[in-house]
PDB file of N, CA and C in Angstrom:
ATOM      1  N   MET A   1      46.483 144.789 137.143  1.00  0.00           N
ATOM      2  CA  MET A   1      47.539 145.575 137.573  1.00  0.00           C
ATOM      3  C   MET A   1      48.842 145.095 137.243  1.00  0.00           C
ATOM      4  N   ILE A   2      49.060 143.717 137.409  1.00  0.00           N
ATOM      5  CA  ILE A   2      50.280 143.045 137.207  1.00  0.00           C
ATOM      6  C   ILE A   2      50.691 143.241 135.810  1.00  0.00           C
ATOM      7  N   ALA A   3      49.814 143.080 134.848  1.00  0.00           N
ATOM      8  CA  ALA A   3      50.105 143.223 133.392  1.00  0.00           C
ATOM      9  C   ALA A   3      50.608 144.598 132.982  1.00  0.00           C
ATOM     10  N   TYR A   4      49.843 145.594 133.577  1.00  0.00           N
ATOM     11  CA  TYR A   4      50.148 146.974 133.334  1.00  0.00           C
ATOM     12  C   TYR A   4      51.436 147.398 134.000  1.00  0.00           C
ATOM     13  N   GLU A   5      51.750 146.993 135.293  1.00  0.00           N
ATOM     14  CA  GLU A   5      52.955 147.235 135.851  1.00  0.00           C
ATOM     15  C   GLU A   5      54.132 146.545 135.138  1.00  0.00           C
ATOM     16  N   ALA A   6      53.942 145.378 134.624  1.00  0.00           N
ATOM     17  CA  ALA A   6      55.042 144.699 133.863  1.00  0.00           C
ATOM     18  C   ALA A   6      55.277 145.472 132.627  1.00  0.00           C
ATOM     19  N   LEU A   7      54.304 145.961 131.992  1.00  0.00           N
ATOM     20  CA  LEU A   7      54.503 146.841 130.672  1.00  0.00           C
ATOM     21  C   LEU A   7      55.290 148.024 130.969  1.00  0.00           C
ATOM     22  N   LEU A   8      54.815 148.742 132.058  1.00  0.00           N
ATOM     23  CA  LEU A   8      55.363 150.016 132.463  1.00  0.00           C
ATOM     24  C   LEU A   8      56.963 149.812 132.836  1.00  0.00           C
ATOM     25  N   ASN A   9      57.260 148.762 133.403  1.00  0.00           N
ATOM     26  CA  ASN A   9      58.560 148.478 133.861  1.00  0.00           C
ATOM     27  C   ASN A   9      59.476 147.916 132.858  1.00  0.00           C
ATOM     28  N   THR A  10      59.026 147.449 131.636  1.00  0.00           N
ATOM     29  CA  THR A  10      59.821 146.848 130.730  1.00  0.00           C
ATOM     30  C   THR A  10      59.854 147.562 129.314  1.00  0.00           C
ATOM     31  N   TRP A  11      58.814 148.119 128.991  1.00  0.00           N
ATOM     32  CA  TRP A  11      58.770 148.757 127.649  1.00  0.00           C
ATOM     33  C   TRP A  11      59.523 150.114 127.577  1.00  0.00           C
ATOM     34  N   ARG A  12      60.252 150.320 126.565  1.00  0.00           N
ATOM     35  CA  ARG A  12      60.855 151.499 126.327  1.00  0.00           C
ATOM     36  C   ARG A  12      60.640 151.932 124.897  1.00  0.00           C
ATOM     37  N   PRO A  13      60.500 153.152 124.366  1.00  0.00           N
ATOM     38  CA  PRO A  13      60.357 153.445 122.880  1.00  0.00           C
ATOM     39  C   PRO A  13      61.486 153.096 122.097  1.00  0.00           C
ATOM     40  N   ALA A  14      62.698 153.079 122.719  1.00  0.00           N
ATOM     41  CA  ALA A  14      63.923 152.699 121.926  1.00  0.00           C
ATOM     42  C   ALA A  14      64.622 151.623 122.749  1.00  0.00           C
ATOM     43  N   GLY A  15      65.530 151.023 122.096  1.00  0.00           N
ATOM     44  CA  GLY A  15      66.289 149.892 122.767  1.00  0.00           C
ATOM     45  C   GLY A  15      66.128 148.605 122.309  1.00  0.00           C
ATOM     46  N   ASP A  16      66.577 147.503 122.904  1.00  0.00           N
ATOM     47  CA  ASP A  16      66.551 146.128 122.502  1.00  0.00           C
ATOM     48  C   ASP A  16      65.173 145.542 122.755  1.00  0.00           C
ATOM     49  N   LYS A  17      64.361 145.481 121.711  1.00  0.00           N
ATOM     50  CA  LYS A  17      63.063 144.956 121.869  1.00  0.00           C
ATOM     51  C   LYS A  17      62.980 143.575 122.386  1.00  0.00           C
ATOM     52  N   ARG A  18      63.902 142.760 121.803  1.00  0.00           N
ATOM     53  CA  ARG A  18      63.990 141.317 122.148  1.00  0.00           C
ATOM     54  C   ARG A  18      64.152 141.159 123.742  1.00  0.00           C
ATOM     55  N   ARG A  19      64.990 141.970 124.237  1.00  0.00           N
ATOM     56  CA  ARG A  19      65.336 142.037 125.757  1.00  0.00           C
ATOM     57  C   ARG A  19      64.003 142.417 126.469  1.00  0.00           C
ATOM     58  N   GLN A  20      63.408 143.441 125.932  1.00  0.00           N
ATOM     59  CA  GLN A  20      62.294 144.110 126.591  1.00  0.00           C
ATOM     60  C   GLN A  20      61.164 143.072 126.626  1.00  0.00           C
ATOM     61  N   TRP A  21      61.027 142.279 125.492  1.00  0.00           N
ATOM     62  CA  TRP A  21      59.889 141.227 125.338  1.00  0.00           C
ATOM     63  C   TRP A  21      60.102 140.238 126.433  1.00  0.00           C
ATOM     64  N   ILE A  22      61.480 139.829 126.551  1.00  0.00           N
ATOM     65  CA  ILE A  22      61.865 138.686 127.553  1.00  0.00           C
ATOM     66  C   ILE A  22      61.597 139.254 128.954  1.00  0.00           C
ATOM     67  N   ASP A  23      61.896 140.592 129.197  1.00  0.00           N
ATOM     68  CA  ASP A  23      61.572 141.100 130.565  1.00  0.00           C
ATOM     69  C   ASP A  23      60.071 141.196 130.756  1.00  0.00           C
ATOM     70  N   LEU A  24      59.368 141.576 129.809  1.00  0.00           N
ATOM     71  CA  LEU A  24      57.876 141.551 130.006  1.00  0.00           C
ATOM     72  C   LEU A  24      57.303 140.148 130.243  1.00  0.00           C
ATOM     73  N   CYS A  25      57.857 139.176 129.567  1.00  0.00           N
ATOM     74  CA  CYS A  25      57.322 137.677 129.924  1.00  0.00           C
ATOM     75  C   CYS A  25      57.710 137.402 131.345  1.00  0.00           C
ATOM     76  N   GLU A  26      58.977 137.665 131.754  1.00  0.00           N
ATOM     77  CA  GLU A  26      59.391 137.376 133.192  1.00  0.00           C
ATOM     78  C   GLU A  26      58.453 138.080 134.147  1.00  0.00           C
ATOM     79  N   HIS A  27      58.179 139.372 133.959  1.00  0.00           N
ATOM     80  CA  HIS A  27      57.330 140.144 134.948  1.00  0.00           C
ATOM     81  C   HIS A  27      55.884 139.705 134.894  1.00  0.00           C
ATOM     82  N   SER A  28      55.360 139.450 133.825  1.00  0.00           N
ATOM     83  CA  SER A  28      53.936 139.289 133.677  1.00  0.00           C
ATOM     84  C   SER A  28      53.478 137.819 133.735  1.00  0.00           C
ATOM     85  N   MET A  29      54.388 136.945 133.400  1.00  0.00           N
ATOM     86  CA  MET A  29      53.872 135.554 133.278  1.00  0.00           C
ATOM     87  C   MET A  29      54.656 134.596 134.206  1.00  0.00           C
ATOM     88  N   LEU A  30      55.467 135.000 134.943  1.00  0.00           N
ATOM     89  CA  LEU A  30      56.170 134.055 135.869  1.00  0.00           C
ATOM     90  C   LEU A  30      56.008 134.508 137.274  1.00  0.00           C
ATOM     91  N   HIS A  31      54.846 134.406 137.780  1.00  0.00           N
ATOM     92  CA  HIS A  31      54.615 134.736 139.241  1.00  0.00           C
ATOM     93  C   HIS A  31      53.524 133.813 139.747  1.00  0.00           C
ATOM     94  N   GLY A  32      53.221 133.907 140.955  1.00  0.00           N
ATOM     95  CA  GLY A  32      52.400 132.995 141.677  1.00  0.00           C
ATOM     96  C   GLY A  32      50.933 133.177 141.498  1.00  0.00           C
ATOM     97  N   GLY A  33      50.462 134.275 140.873  1.00  0.00           N
ATOM     98  CA  GLY A  33      49.065 134.566 140.693  1.00  0.00           C
ATOM     99  C   GLY A  33      48.539 133.948 139.353  1.00  0.00           C
ATOM    100  N   ASP A  34      47.518 134.621 138.932  1.00  0.00           N
ATOM    101  CA  ASP A  34      46.937 134.143 137.620  1.00  0.00           C
ATOM    102  C   ASP A  34      47.691 134.511 136.433  1.00  0.00           C
ATOM    103  N   SER A  35      48.887 133.840 136.317  1.00  0.00           N
ATOM    104  CA  SER A  35      49.855 134.327 135.357  1.00  0.00           C
ATOM    105  C   SER A  35      49.502 134.162 134.000  1.00  0.00           C
ATOM    106  N   ASP A  36      48.540 133.197 133.589  1.00  0.00           N
ATOM    107  CA  ASP A  36      48.269 133.021 132.122  1.00  0.00           C
ATOM    108  C   ASP A  36      47.301 134.281 131.719  1.00  0.00           C
ATOM    109  N   SER A  37      46.506 134.798 132.621  1.00  0.00           N
ATOM    110  CA  SER A  37      45.714 135.951 132.356  1.00  0.00           C
ATOM    111  C   SER A  37      46.531 137.204 132.291  1.00  0.00           C
ATOM    112  N   THR A  38      47.406 137.442 133.230  1.00  0.00           N
ATOM    113  CA  THR A  38      48.111 138.589 133.284  1.00  0.00           C
ATOM    114  C   THR A  38      49.303 138.533 132.081  1.00  0.00           C
ATOM    115  N   GLY A  39      49.668 137.411 131.707  1.00  0.00           N
ATOM    116  CA  GLY A  39      50.559 137.224 130.626  1.00  0.00           C
ATOM    117  C   GLY A  39      49.918 137.569 129.120  1.00  0.00           C
ATOM    118  N   ILE A  40      48.802 137.279 129.047  1.00  0.00           N
ATOM    119  CA  ILE A  40      47.993 137.478 127.768  1.00  0.00           C
ATOM    120  C   ILE A  40      47.628 138.894 127.707  1.00  0.00           C
ATOM    121  N   VAL A  41      47.273 139.628 128.803  1.00  0.00           N
ATOM    122  CA  VAL A  41      46.977 140.949 128.660  1.00  0.00           C
ATOM    123  C   VAL A  41      48.130 141.813 128.434  1.00  0.00           C
ATOM    124  N   ALA A  42      49.312 141.426 129.089  1.00  0.00           N
ATOM    125  CA  ALA A  42      50.544 142.256 128.854  1.00  0.00           C
ATOM    126  C   ALA A  42      50.996 142.076 127.407  1.00  0.00           C
ATOM    127  N   ALA A  43      50.866 140.735 126.954  1.00  0.00           N
ATOM    128  CA  ALA A  43      51.362 140.431 125.501  1.00  0.00           C
ATOM    129  C   ALA A  43      50.369 141.157 124.479  1.00  0.00           C
ATOM    130  N   ALA A  44      49.119 141.216 124.797  1.00  0.00           N
ATOM    131  CA  ALA A  44      48.188 141.938 123.829  1.00  0.00           C
ATOM    132  C   ALA A  44      48.602 143.380 123.869  1.00  0.00           C
ATOM    133  N   CYS A  45      48.890 144.037 125.092  1.00  0.00           N
ATOM    134  CA  CYS A  45      49.287 145.448 124.968  1.00  0.00           C
ATOM    135  C   CYS A  45      50.631 145.613 124.186  1.00  0.00           C
ATOM    136  N   TRP A  46      51.486 144.709 124.472  1.00  0.00           N
ATOM    137  CA  TRP A  46      52.820 144.872 123.576  1.00  0.00           C
ATOM    138  C   TRP A  46      52.387 144.698 122.129  1.00  0.00           C
ATOM    139  N   GLY A  47      51.613 143.778 121.734  1.00  0.00           N
ATOM    140  CA  GLY A  47      51.156 143.613 120.328  1.00  0.00           C
ATOM    141  C   GLY A  47      50.541 144.905 119.850  1.00  0.00           C
ATOM    142  N   ALA A  48      49.687 145.565 120.539  1.00  0.00           N
ATOM    143  CA  ALA A  48      49.045 146.750 120.168  1.00  0.00           C
ATOM    144  C   ALA A  48      50.199 147.893 119.791  1.00  0.00           C
ATOM    145  N   MET A  49      51.200 147.924 120.577  1.00  0.00           N
ATOM    146  CA  MET A  49      52.261 148.943 120.562  1.00  0.00           C
ATOM    147  C   MET A  49      53.359 148.539 119.520  1.00  0.00           C
ATOM    148  N   GLU A  50      53.737 147.258 119.597  1.00  0.00           N
ATOM    149  CA  GLU A  50      55.102 146.804 118.952  1.00  0.00           C
ATOM    150  C   GLU A  50      54.852 145.843 117.789  1.00  0.00           C
ATOM    151  N   GLY A  51      53.628 145.224 117.734  1.00  0.00           N
ATOM    152  CA  GLY A  51      53.501 144.165 116.903  1.00  0.00           C
ATOM    153  C   GLY A  51      54.339 143.055 117.242  1.00  0.00           C
ATOM    154  N   TYR A  52      55.050 142.400 116.238  1.00  0.00           N
ATOM    155  CA  TYR A  52      55.914 141.217 116.790  1.00  0.00           C
ATOM    156  C   TYR A  52      57.297 141.684 117.050  1.00  0.00           C
ATOM    157  N   SER A  53      57.519 142.928 116.980  1.00  0.00           N
ATOM    158  CA  SER A  53      58.851 143.519 117.201  1.00  0.00           C
ATOM    159  C   SER A  53      59.561 142.899 118.510  1.00  0.00           C
ATOM    160  N   GLY A  54      60.537 142.214 118.386  1.00  0.00           N
ATOM    161  CA  GLY A  54      61.238 141.675 119.473  1.00  0.00           C
ATOM    162  C   GLY A  54      60.764 140.310 120.065  1.00  0.00           C
ATOM    163  N   VAL A  55      59.597 139.905 119.530  1.00  0.00           N
ATOM    164  CA  VAL A  55      58.980 138.603 119.883  1.00  0.00           C
ATOM    165  C   VAL A  55      59.653 137.432 119.059  1.00  0.00           C
ATOM    166  N   PRO A  56      60.239 136.430 119.689  1.00  0.00           N
ATOM    167  CA  PRO A  56      60.772 135.416 118.922  1.00  0.00           C
ATOM    168  C   PRO A  56      59.690 134.672 118.136  1.00  0.00           C
ATOM    169  N   GLU A  57      60.007 134.145 117.062  1.00  0.00           N
ATOM    170  CA  GLU A  57      58.975 133.532 116.084  1.00  0.00           C
ATOM    171  C   GLU A  57      58.394 132.313 116.722  1.00  0.00           C
ATOM    172  N   ASN A  58      59.171 131.563 117.513  1.00  0.00           N
ATOM    173  CA  ASN A  58      58.643 130.484 118.123  1.00  0.00           C
ATOM    174  C   ASN A  58      57.554 130.692 119.265  1.00  0.00           C
ATOM    175  N   HIS A  59      57.347 131.978 119.554  1.00  0.00           N
ATOM    176  CA  HIS A  59      56.432 132.353 120.598  1.00  0.00           C
ATOM    177  C   HIS A  59      54.975 132.475 119.903  1.00  0.00           C
ATOM    178  N   TYR A  60      55.003 132.642 118.557  1.00  0.00           N
ATOM    179  CA  TYR A  60      53.713 132.849 117.913  1.00  0.00           C
ATOM    180  C   TYR A  60      53.480 132.023 116.627  1.00  0.00           C
ATOM    181  N   LYS A  61      54.596 131.290 116.232  1.00  0.00           N
ATOM    182  CA  LYS A  61      54.461 130.550 114.894  1.00  0.00           C
ATOM    183  C   LYS A  61      53.385 129.541 114.899  1.00  0.00           C
ATOM    184  N   ASN A  62      53.320 128.688 115.913  1.00  0.00           N
ATOM    185  CA  ASN A  62      52.428 127.650 116.058  1.00  0.00           C
ATOM    186  C   ASN A  62      51.262 127.878 117.000  1.00  0.00           C
ATOM    187  N   LEU A  63      50.887 129.148 117.067  1.00  0.00           N
ATOM    188  CA  LEU A  63      49.709 129.451 117.828  1.00  0.00           C
ATOM    189  C   LEU A  63      48.541 128.911 117.428  1.00  0.00           C
ATOM    190  N   GLU A  64      47.760 128.322 118.458  1.00  0.00           N
ATOM    191  CA  GLU A  64      46.403 127.674 118.063  1.00  0.00           C
ATOM    192  C   GLU A  64      45.549 128.810 117.597  1.00  0.00           C
ATOM    193  N   TYR A  65      44.757 128.552 116.538  1.00  0.00           N
ATOM    194  CA  TYR A  65      43.800 129.436 115.942  1.00  0.00           C
ATOM    195  C   TYR A  65      44.413 130.847 115.255  1.00  0.00           C
ATOM    196  N   ARG A  66      45.814 130.687 115.040  1.00  0.00           N
ATOM    197  CA  ARG A  66      46.484 131.802 114.582  1.00  0.00           C
ATOM    198  C   ARG A  66      45.737 132.531 113.224  1.00  0.00           C
ATOM    199  N   ASN A  67      45.419 131.677 112.289  1.00  0.00           N
ATOM    200  CA  ASN A  67      44.692 132.240 111.077  1.00  0.00           C
ATOM    201  C   ASN A  67      43.450 132.863 111.477  1.00  0.00           C
ATOM    202  N   ARG A  68      42.680 132.235 112.399  1.00  0.00           N
ATOM    203  CA  ARG A  68      41.376 132.888 112.745  1.00  0.00           C
ATOM    204  C   ARG A  68      41.601 134.274 113.447  1.00  0.00           C
ATOM    205  N   LEU A  69      42.626 134.210 114.296  1.00  0.00           N
ATOM    206  CA  LEU A  69      42.966 135.480 115.118  1.00  0.00           C
ATOM    207  C   LEU A  69      43.465 136.619 114.132  1.00  0.00           C
ATOM    208  N   ALA A  70      44.271 136.169 113.071  1.00  0.00           N
ATOM    209  CA  ALA A  70      44.874 137.135 112.223  1.00  0.00           C
ATOM    210  C   ALA A  70      43.692 137.754 111.324  1.00  0.00           C
ATOM    211  N   SER A  71      42.753 136.955 110.876  1.00  0.00           N
ATOM    212  CA  SER A  71      41.579 137.365 110.103  1.00  0.00           C
ATOM    213  C   SER A  71      40.776 138.177 110.872  1.00  0.00           C
ATOM    214  N   LEU A  72      40.560 137.937 112.068  1.00  0.00           N
ATOM    215  CA  LEU A  72      39.627 138.800 112.969  1.00  0.00           C
ATOM    216  C   LEU A  72      40.476 140.216 113.209  1.00  0.00           C
ATOM    217  N   GLY A  73      41.551 140.100 113.479  1.00  0.00           N
ATOM    218  CA  GLY A  73      42.381 141.321 113.590  1.00  0.00           C
ATOM    219  C   GLY A  73      42.306 142.223 112.409  1.00  0.00           C
ATOM    220  N   LYS A  74      42.347 141.681 111.199  1.00  0.00           N
ATOM    221  CA  LYS A  74      42.257 142.552 110.073  1.00  0.00           C
ATOM    222  C   LYS A  74      40.864 143.067 109.883  1.00  0.00           C
ATOM    223  N   LYS A  75      39.812 142.353 110.173  1.00  0.00           N
ATOM    224  CA  LYS A  75      38.499 142.844 110.139  1.00  0.00           C
ATOM    225  C   LYS A  75      38.295 143.909 111.077  1.00  0.00           C
ATOM    226  N   ILE A  76      38.710 143.884 112.277  1.00  0.00           N
ATOM    227  CA  ILE A  76      38.751 144.930 113.381  1.00  0.00           C
ATOM    228  C   ILE A  76      39.505 146.160 112.807  1.00  0.00           C
ATOM    229  N   HIS A  77      40.516 146.003 112.236  1.00  0.00           N
ATOM    230  CA  HIS A  77      41.401 147.103 111.817  1.00  0.00           C
ATOM    231  C   HIS A  77      40.595 147.751 110.653  1.00  0.00           C
ATOM    232  N   GLN A  78      40.060 147.072 109.643  1.00  0.00           N
ATOM    233  CA  GLN A  78      39.353 147.696 108.663  1.00  0.00           C
ATOM    234  C   GLN A  78      38.072 148.427 109.056  1.00  0.00           C
ATOM    235  N   LYS A  79      37.416 147.915 110.005  1.00  0.00           N
ATOM    236  CA  LYS A  79      36.207 148.528 110.573  1.00  0.00           C
ATOM    237  C   LYS A  79      36.704 149.877 111.255  1.00  0.00           C
ATOM    238  N   PHE A  80      37.666 149.778 112.113  1.00  0.00           N
ATOM    239  CA  PHE A  80      38.193 150.856 112.849  1.00  0.00           C
ATOM    240  C   PHE A  80      38.538 151.945 111.772  1.00  0.00           C
ATOM    241  N   ALA A  81      39.281 151.650 110.815  1.00  0.00           N
ATOM    242  CA  ALA A  81      39.920 152.602 109.782  1.00  0.00           C
ATOM    243  C   ALA A  81      38.660 153.326 109.026  1.00  0.00           C
ATOM    244  N   THR A  82      37.612 152.414 108.760  1.00  0.00           N
ATOM    245  CA  THR A  82      36.475 152.951 107.966  1.00  0.00           C
ATOM    246  C   THR A  82      35.639 153.794 108.746  1.00  0.00           C
ATOM    247  N   ASP A  83      35.333 153.322 110.039  1.00  0.00           N
ATOM    248  CA  ASP A  83      34.396 154.084 110.886  1.00  0.00           C
ATOM    249  C   ASP A  83      35.013 155.336 111.461  1.00  0.00           C
ATOM    250  N   ILE A  84      36.203 155.354 112.045  1.00  0.00           N
ATOM    251  CA  ILE A  84      36.753 156.416 112.700  1.00  0.00           C
ATOM    252  C   ILE A  84      37.507 157.458 111.652  1.00  0.00           C
ATOM    253  N   ILE A  85      38.307 156.882 110.750  1.00  0.00           N
ATOM    254  CA  ILE A  85      38.950 157.651 109.881  1.00  0.00           C
ATOM    255  C   ILE A  85      38.106 158.143 108.663  1.00  0.00           C
ATOM    256  N   GLY A  86      37.138 157.243 108.329  1.00  0.00           N
ATOM    257  CA  GLY A  86      36.336 157.559 107.225  1.00  0.00           C
ATOM    258  C   GLY A  86      36.734 157.041 105.940  1.00  0.00           C
ATOM    259  N   ARG A  87      37.813 156.121 105.997  1.00  0.00           N
ATOM    260  CA  ARG A  87      38.239 155.620 104.767  1.00  0.00           C
ATOM    261  C   ARG A  87      38.678 154.153 104.904  1.00  0.00           C
ATOM    262  N   GLU A  88      38.766 153.440 103.806  1.00  0.00           N
ATOM    263  CA  GLU A  88      39.438 152.133 103.870  1.00  0.00           C
ATOM    264  C   GLU A  88      40.914 152.200 103.909  1.00  0.00           C
ATOM    265  N   THR A  89      41.615 151.173 104.492  1.00  0.00           N
ATOM    266  CA  THR A  89      43.025 151.054 104.438  1.00  0.00           C
ATOM    267  C   THR A  89      43.435 150.045 103.534  1.00  0.00           C
TER     268      THR A  89
END
């Protein structure tokens, strides 16, 4: 709920994406609860909607397992596009 609420309170279709990203981090990752979990859920939702838009490069540049995650993401996208749309992208 915290991740979802943070996303609802910070994301807008237009506007300063960098400021929205910072607000999302503040709302979803800086609290007394299980902040690493809520932060990753909120960030994953942001990524699905915005990609890296507004996200400072130092937040993902040296991410552990970045190449593995990128490869897996591409495979998932290809499977989705093939199975649902019926064609390769």
